[in-house]
PDB file of N, CA and C in Angstrom:
ATOM      1  N   MET A   1       0.826  -1.175   0.000  1.00  0.00           N
ATOM      2  CA  MET A   1       0.000   0.000   0.000  1.00  0.00           C
ATOM      3  C   MET A   1       0.881   1.253   0.000  1.00  0.00           C
ATOM      4  N   PHE A   2       1.893   1.285   0.856  1.00  0.00           N
ATOM      5  CA  PHE A   2       2.754   2.458   0.912  1.00  0.00           C
ATOM      6  C   PHE A   2       3.661   2.557  -0.309  1.00  0.00           C
ATOM      7  N   ASN A   3       4.043   1.422  -0.899  1.00  0.00           N
ATOM      8  CA  ASN A   3       4.826   1.456  -2.137  1.00  0.00           C
ATOM      9  C   ASN A   3       4.037   2.138  -3.251  1.00  0.00           C
ATOM     10  N   VAL A   4       2.772   1.780  -3.373  1.00  0.00           N
ATOM     11  CA  VAL A   4       1.913   2.372  -4.417  1.00  0.00           C
ATOM     12  C   VAL A   4       1.710   3.859  -4.147  1.00  0.00           C
ATOM     13  N   ALA A   5       1.400   4.215  -2.895  1.00  0.00           N
ATOM     14  CA  ALA A   5       1.185   5.625  -2.546  1.00  0.00           C
ATOM     15  C   ALA A   5       2.432   6.447  -2.848  1.00  0.00           C
ATOM     16  N   GLU A   6       3.590   5.921  -2.494  1.00  0.00           N
ATOM     17  CA  GLU A   6       4.843   6.631  -2.743  1.00  0.00           C
ATOM     18  C   GLU A   6       5.094   6.778  -4.241  1.00  0.00           C
ATOM     19  N   ALA A   7       4.860   5.712  -5.003  1.00  0.00           N
ATOM     20  CA  ALA A   7       5.075   5.764  -6.459  1.00  0.00           C
ATOM     21  C   ALA A   7       4.158   6.770  -7.140  1.00  0.00           C
ATOM     22  N   LEU A   8       2.944   6.934  -6.600  1.00  0.00           N
ATOM     23  CA  LEU A   8       1.988   7.876  -7.175  1.00  0.00           C
ATOM     24  C   LEU A   8       2.194   9.307  -6.683  1.00  0.00           C
ATOM     25  N   GLY A   9       3.088   9.487  -5.733  1.00  0.00           N
ATOM     26  CA  GLY A   9       3.334  10.813  -5.190  1.00  0.00           C
ATOM     27  C   GLY A   9       2.275  11.278  -4.206  1.00  0.00           C
ATOM     28  N   CYS A  10       1.597  10.347  -3.582  1.00  0.00           N
ATOM     29  CA  CYS A  10       0.538  10.683  -2.622  1.00  0.00           C
ATOM     30  C   CYS A  10       1.131  11.216  -1.318  1.00  0.00           C
ATOM     31  N   THR A  11       0.380  12.061  -0.651  1.00  0.00           N
ATOM     32  CA  THR A  11       0.798  12.561   0.659  1.00  0.00           C
ATOM     33  C   THR A  11       0.230  11.708   1.781  1.00  0.00           C
ATOM     34  N   HIS A  12      -0.826  10.936   1.491  1.00  0.00           N
ATOM     35  CA  HIS A  12      -1.431  10.075   2.494  1.00  0.00           C
ATOM     36  C   HIS A  12      -2.190   8.947   1.817  1.00  0.00           C
ATOM     37  N   THR A  13      -2.501   7.950   2.616  1.00  0.00           N
ATOM     38  CA  THR A  13      -3.356   6.862   2.168  1.00  0.00           C
ATOM     39  C   THR A  13      -4.417   6.650   3.246  1.00  0.00           C
ATOM     40  N   THR A  14      -5.571   6.192   2.855  1.00  0.00           N
ATOM     41  CA  THR A  14      -6.679   6.028   3.799  1.00  0.00           C
ATOM     42  C   THR A  14      -6.926   4.550   4.053  1.00  0.00           C
ATOM     43  N   LEU A  15      -7.168   4.226   5.321  1.00  0.00           N
ATOM     44  CA  LEU A  15      -7.508   2.860   5.686  1.00  0.00           C
ATOM     45  C   LEU A  15      -8.416   2.879   6.902  1.00  0.00           C
ATOM     46  N   GLU A  16      -9.087   1.776   7.122  1.00  0.00           N
ATOM     47  CA  GLU A  16     -10.013   1.653   8.246  1.00  0.00           C
ATOM     48  C   GLU A  16      -9.238   1.713   9.560  1.00  0.00           C
ATOM     49  N   LEU A  17      -9.801   2.373  10.549  1.00  0.00           N
ATOM     50  CA  LEU A  17      -9.161   2.517  11.855  1.00  0.00           C
ATOM     51  C   LEU A  17      -9.188   1.186  12.599  1.00  0.00           C
ATOM     52  N   PRO A  18      -8.003   0.590  12.848  1.00  0.00           N
ATOM     53  CA  PRO A  18      -7.982  -0.655  13.622  1.00  0.00           C
ATOM     54  C   PRO A  18      -8.065  -0.369  15.116  1.00  0.00           C
ATOM     55  N   GLU A  19      -8.467  -1.348  15.883  1.00  0.00           N
ATOM     56  CA  GLU A  19      -8.528  -1.202  17.338  1.00  0.00           C
ATOM     57  C   GLU A  19      -7.259  -1.715  18.008  1.00  0.00           C
ATOM     58  N   ASP A  20      -6.441  -2.459  17.295  1.00  0.00           N
ATOM     59  CA  ASP A  20      -5.217  -3.053  17.823  1.00  0.00           C
ATOM     60  C   ASP A  20      -4.087  -2.016  17.834  1.00  0.00           C
ATOM     61  N   VAL A  21      -3.595  -1.681  19.016  1.00  0.00           N
ATOM     62  CA  VAL A  21      -2.547  -0.667  19.157  1.00  0.00           C
ATOM     63  C   VAL A  21      -1.271  -1.091  18.431  1.00  0.00           C
ATOM     64  N   ALA A  22      -0.940  -2.380  18.465  1.00  0.00           N
ATOM     65  CA  ALA A  22       0.259  -2.863  17.779  1.00  0.00           C
ATOM     66  C   ALA A  22       0.161  -2.607  16.275  1.00  0.00           C
ATOM     67  N   GLN A  23      -1.013  -2.786  15.719  1.00  0.00           N
ATOM     68  CA  GLN A  23      -1.214  -2.523  14.293  1.00  0.00           C
ATOM     69  C   GLN A  23      -1.092  -1.024  14.005  1.00  0.00           C
ATOM     70  N   LEU A  24      -1.615  -0.188  14.881  1.00  0.00           N
ATOM     71  CA  LEU A  24      -1.485   1.260  14.719  1.00  0.00           C
ATOM     72  C   LEU A  24      -0.014   1.677  14.727  1.00  0.00           C
ATOM     73  N   GLN A  25       0.770   1.070  15.596  1.00  0.00           N
ATOM     74  CA  GLN A  25       2.195   1.369  15.674  1.00  0.00           C
ATOM     75  C   GLN A  25       2.932   0.886  14.428  1.00  0.00           C
ATOM     76  N   ARG A  26       2.579  -0.308  13.967  1.00  0.00           N
ATOM     77  CA  ARG A  26       3.255  -0.880  12.791  1.00  0.00           C
ATOM     78  C   ARG A  26       2.961  -0.062  11.534  1.00  0.00           C
ATOM     79  N   VAL A  27       1.693   0.261  11.318  1.00  0.00           N
ATOM     80  CA  VAL A  27       1.324   1.066  10.154  1.00  0.00           C
ATOM     81  C   VAL A  27       1.947   2.454  10.263  1.00  0.00           C
ATOM     82  N   GLY A  28       1.926   3.035  11.461  1.00  0.00           N
ATOM     83  CA  GLY A  28       2.536   4.339  11.665  1.00  0.00           C
ATOM     84  C   GLY A  28       4.024   4.337  11.350  1.00  0.00           C
ATOM     85  N   ALA A  29       4.717   3.267  11.723  1.00  0.00           N
ATOM     86  CA  ALA A  29       6.151   3.158  11.429  1.00  0.00           C
ATOM     87  C   ALA A  29       6.397   3.097   9.922  1.00  0.00           C
ATOM     88  N   PHE A  30       5.573   2.334   9.188  1.00  0.00           N
ATOM     89  CA  PHE A  30       5.685   2.299   7.723  1.00  0.00           C
ATOM     90  C   PHE A  30       5.427   3.684   7.139  1.00  0.00           C
ATOM     91  N   ALA A  31       4.421   4.359   7.664  1.00  0.00           N
ATOM     92  CA  ALA A  31       4.068   5.692   7.167  1.00  0.00           C
ATOM     93  C   ALA A  31       5.222   6.668   7.391  1.00  0.00           C
ATOM     94  N   GLU A  32       5.819   6.627   8.567  1.00  0.00           N
ATOM     95  CA  GLU A  32       6.947   7.514   8.850  1.00  0.00           C
ATOM     96  C   GLU A  32       8.120   7.217   7.921  1.00  0.00           C
ATOM     97  N   LYS A  33       8.413   5.938   7.718  1.00  0.00           N
ATOM     98  CA  LYS A  33       9.535   5.543   6.862  1.00  0.00           C
ATOM     99  C   LYS A  33       9.329   6.021   5.424  1.00  0.00           C
ATOM    100  N   ARG A  34       8.101   5.911   4.927  1.00  0.00           N
ATOM    101  CA  ARG A  34       7.793   6.279   3.533  1.00  0.00           C
ATOM    102  C   ARG A  34       7.429   7.753   3.364  1.00  0.00           C
ATOM    103  N   LYS A  35       7.260   8.457   4.500  1.00  0.00           N
ATOM    104  CA  LYS A  35       6.847   9.865   4.476  1.00  0.00           C
ATOM    105  C   LYS A  35       5.493  10.041   3.779  1.00  0.00           C
ATOM    106  N   VAL A  36       4.606   9.090   4.054  1.00  0.00           N
ATOM    107  CA  VAL A  36       3.231   9.108   3.555  1.00  0.00           C
ATOM    108  C   VAL A  36       2.328   8.906   4.776  1.00  0.00           C
ATOM    109  N   PHE A  37       1.446   9.849   5.051  1.00  0.00           N
ATOM    110  CA  PHE A  37       0.578   9.740   6.218  1.00  0.00           C
ATOM    111  C   PHE A  37      -0.405   8.581   6.085  1.00  0.00           C
ATOM    112  N   ALA A  38      -0.704   7.944   7.200  1.00  0.00           N
ATOM    113  CA  ALA A  38      -1.760   6.934   7.285  1.00  0.00           C
ATOM    114  C   ALA A  38      -2.991   7.648   7.829  1.00  0.00           C
ATOM    115  N   ALA A  39      -3.975   7.898   6.979  1.00  0.00           N
ATOM    116  CA  ALA A  39      -5.187   8.624   7.374  1.00  0.00           C
ATOM    117  C   ALA A  39      -6.290   7.611   7.649  1.00  0.00           C
ATOM    118  N   TYR A  40      -6.605   7.428   8.915  1.00  0.00           N
ATOM    119  CA  TYR A  40      -7.592   6.428   9.315  1.00  0.00           C
ATOM    120  C   TYR A  40      -9.006   6.970   9.184  1.00  0.00           C
ATOM    121  N   HIS A  41      -9.879   6.072   8.739  1.00  0.00           N
ATOM    122  CA  HIS A  41     -11.288   6.406   8.519  1.00  0.00           C
ATOM    123  C   HIS A  41     -12.132   5.521   9.428  1.00  0.00           C
ATOM    124  N   THR A  42     -13.140   6.114  10.036  1.00  0.00           N
ATOM    125  CA  THR A  42     -14.031   5.330  10.893  1.00  0.00           C
ATOM    126  C   THR A  42     -15.378   5.156  10.214  1.00  0.00           C
ATOM    127  N   HIS A  43     -16.064   4.133  10.622  1.00  0.00           N
ATOM    128  CA  HIS A  43     -17.452   3.968  10.209  1.00  0.00           C
ATOM    129  C   HIS A  43     -18.302   4.088  11.463  1.00  0.00           C
ATOM    130  N   LEU A  44     -18.776   3.030  11.996  1.00  0.00           N
ATOM    131  CA  LEU A  44     -19.627   3.128  13.181  1.00  0.00           C
ATOM    132  C   LEU A  44     -18.852   3.292  14.484  1.00  0.00           C
ATOM    133  N   GLN A  45     -17.515   3.177  14.442  1.00  0.00           N
ATOM    134  CA  GLN A  45     -16.755   3.354  15.678  1.00  0.00           C
ATOM    135  C   GLN A  45     -16.370   4.819  15.908  1.00  0.00           C
ATOM    136  N   GLY A  46     -16.874   5.734  15.102  1.00  0.00           N
ATOM    137  CA  GLY A  46     -16.564   7.148  15.258  1.00  0.00           C
ATOM    138  C   GLY A  46     -17.041   7.708  16.585  1.00  0.00           C
ATOM    139  N   SER A  47     -16.172   8.465  17.237  1.00  0.00           N
ATOM    140  CA  SER A  47     -16.503   9.128  18.500  1.00  0.00           C
ATOM    141  C   SER A  47     -15.492  10.247  18.723  1.00  0.00           C
ATOM    142  N   MET A  48     -15.662  10.966  19.808  1.00  0.00           N
ATOM    143  CA  MET A  48     -14.731  12.057  20.124  1.00  0.00           C
ATOM    144  C   MET A  48     -13.339  11.536  20.465  1.00  0.00           C
ATOM    145  N   THR A  49     -13.223  10.285  20.859  1.00  0.00           N
ATOM    146  CA  THR A  49     -11.927   9.726  21.255  1.00  0.00           C
ATOM    147  C   THR A  49     -11.452   8.594  20.341  1.00  0.00           C
ATOM    148  N   ALA A  50     -12.125   8.384  19.235  1.00  0.00           N
ATOM    149  CA  ALA A  50     -11.819   7.242  18.366  1.00  0.00           C
ATOM    150  C   ALA A  50     -10.378   7.243  17.858  1.00  0.00           C
ATOM    151  N   PHE A  51      -9.798   8.401  17.643  1.00  0.00           N
ATOM    152  CA  PHE A  51      -8.463   8.486  17.052  1.00  0.00           C
ATOM    153  C   PHE A  51      -7.344   8.635  18.085  1.00  0.00           C
ATOM    154  N   ASP A  52      -7.673   8.708  19.357  1.00  0.00           N
ATOM    155  CA  ASP A  52      -6.672   8.956  20.392  1.00  0.00           C
ATOM    156  C   ASP A  52      -5.517   7.961  20.358  1.00  0.00           C
ATOM    157  N   GLN A  53      -5.820   6.671  20.276  1.00  0.00           N
ATOM    158  CA  GLN A  53      -4.758   5.660  20.253  1.00  0.00           C
ATOM    159  C   GLN A  53      -3.904   5.773  18.989  1.00  0.00           C
ATOM    160  N   ALA A  54      -4.532   6.063  17.858  1.00  0.00           N
ATOM    161  CA  ALA A  54      -3.783   6.202  16.606  1.00  0.00           C
ATOM    162  C   ALA A  54      -2.818   7.379  16.685  1.00  0.00           C
ATOM    163  N   PHE A  55      -3.290   8.510  17.190  1.00  0.00           N
ATOM    164  CA  PHE A  55      -2.441   9.691  17.301  1.00  0.00           C
ATOM    165  C   PHE A  55      -1.284   9.448  18.268  1.00  0.00           C
ATOM    166  N   ALA A  56      -1.542   8.717  19.335  1.00  0.00           N
ATOM    167  CA  ALA A  56      -0.498   8.431  20.318  1.00  0.00           C
ATOM    168  C   ALA A  56       0.532   7.439  19.783  1.00  0.00           C
ATOM    169  N   ALA A  57       0.138   6.566  18.870  1.00  0.00           N
ATOM    170  CA  ALA A  57       1.016   5.509  18.369  1.00  0.00           C
ATOM    171  C   ALA A  57       2.067   6.017  17.393  1.00  0.00           C
ATOM    172  N   SER A  58       1.761   7.074  16.631  1.00  0.00           N
ATOM    173  CA  SER A  58       2.709   7.566  15.629  1.00  0.00           C
ATOM    174  C   SER A  58       2.337   8.971  15.182  1.00  0.00           C
ATOM    175  N   LYS A  59       3.356   9.786  14.943  1.00  0.00           N
ATOM    176  CA  LYS A  59       3.108  11.138  14.435  1.00  0.00           C
ATOM    177  C   LYS A  59       2.646  11.116  12.975  1.00  0.00           C
ATOM    178  N   ALA A  60       2.772   9.978  12.303  1.00  0.00           N
ATOM    179  CA  ALA A  60       2.326   9.855  10.913  1.00  0.00           C
ATOM    180  C   ALA A  60       0.889   9.358  10.805  1.00  0.00           C
ATOM    181  N   ASN A  61       0.264   9.021  11.921  1.00  0.00           N
ATOM    182  CA  ASN A  61      -1.133   8.597  11.924  1.00  0.00           C
ATOM    183  C   ASN A  61      -2.027   9.837  11.958  1.00  0.00           C
ATOM    184  N   MET A  62      -2.930   9.919  11.009  1.00  0.00           N
ATOM    185  CA  MET A  62      -3.830  11.058  10.888  1.00  0.00           C
ATOM    186  C   MET A  62      -5.276  10.562  10.835  1.00  0.00           C
ATOM    187  N   ALA A  63      -6.205  11.493  10.707  1.00  0.00           N
ATOM    188  CA  ALA A  63      -7.628  11.154  10.647  1.00  0.00           C
ATOM    189  C   ALA A  63      -8.211  11.567   9.300  1.00  0.00           C
ATOM    190  N   ASN A  64      -9.040  10.723   8.751  1.00  0.00           N
ATOM    191  CA  ASN A  64      -9.844  11.032   7.576  1.00  0.00           C
ATOM    192  C   ASN A  64     -11.282  10.999   8.086  1.00  0.00           C
ATOM    193  N   ILE A  65     -11.780  12.151   8.460  1.00  0.00           N
ATOM    194  CA  ILE A  65     -13.062  12.227   9.155  1.00  0.00           C
ATOM    195  C   ILE A  65     -14.214  12.389   8.172  1.00  0.00           C
ATOM    196  N   ASP A  66     -15.209  11.547   8.334  1.00  0.00           N
ATOM    197  CA  ASP A  66     -16.458  11.637   7.589  1.00  0.00           C
ATOM    198  C   ASP A  66     -17.532  11.959   8.619  1.00  0.00           C
ATOM    199  N   LEU A  67     -18.001  13.187   8.636  1.00  0.00           N
ATOM    200  CA  LEU A  67     -18.950  13.602   9.668  1.00  0.00           C
ATOM    201  C   LEU A  67     -20.253  12.818   9.616  1.00  0.00           C
ATOM    202  N   GLY A  68     -20.638  12.335   8.453  1.00  0.00           N
ATOM    203  CA  GLY A  68     -21.833  11.504   8.350  1.00  0.00           C
ATOM    204  C   GLY A  68     -21.686  10.222   9.151  1.00  0.00           C
ATOM    205  N   HIS A  69     -20.515   9.612   9.088  1.00  0.00           N
ATOM    206  CA  HIS A  69     -20.270   8.395   9.857  1.00  0.00           C
ATOM    207  C   HIS A  69     -20.196   8.697  11.342  1.00  0.00           C
ATOM    208  N   TYR A  70     -19.644   9.844  11.699  1.00  0.00           N
ATOM    209  CA  TYR A  70     -19.577  10.225  13.117  1.00  0.00           C
ATOM    210  C   TYR A  70     -20.986  10.392  13.678  1.00  0.00           C
ATOM    211  N   VAL A  71     -21.860  11.059  12.925  1.00  0.00           N
ATOM    212  CA  VAL A  71     -23.228  11.298  13.381  1.00  0.00           C
ATOM    213  C   VAL A  71     -24.007   9.986  13.460  1.00  0.00           C
ATOM    214  N   ALA A  72     -23.765   9.085  12.513  1.00  0.00           N
ATOM    215  CA  ALA A  72     -24.506   7.816  12.468  1.00  0.00           C
ATOM    216  C   ALA A  72     -24.015   6.825  13.515  1.00  0.00           C
ATOM    217  N   GLY A  73     -22.794   6.996  14.007  1.00  0.00           N
ATOM    218  CA  GLY A  73     -22.213   6.052  14.953  1.00  0.00           C
ATOM    219  C   GLY A  73     -22.771   6.246  16.345  1.00  0.00           C
ATOM    220  N   PRO A  74     -22.521   5.252  17.199  1.00  0.00           N
ATOM    221  CA  PRO A  74     -22.987   5.355  18.588  1.00  0.00           C
ATOM    222  C   PRO A  74     -22.233   6.443  19.324  1.00  0.00           C
ATOM    223  N   VAL A  75     -22.918   7.115  20.186  1.00  0.00           N
ATOM    224  CA  VAL A  75     -22.291   8.207  20.950  1.00  0.00           C
ATOM    225  C   VAL A  75     -22.063   7.787  22.382  1.00  0.00           C
TER     226      VAL A  75
END
């Protein structure tokens, strides 16, 4: 995924927000190495704190926020 993003000159790639902290760290490390942000997207798990673990795991982890999914998700 990061090879393709880098080859295309992308600044970020979007993927579903995982709940596993180890996965957040691993993806974040790849993102930092490739200088391509990992922009996580939520569906029904959207909340005010949904991205906290991702942000803490790596400075290359970002958010791709869809407000429709945030509103539709459980609060």
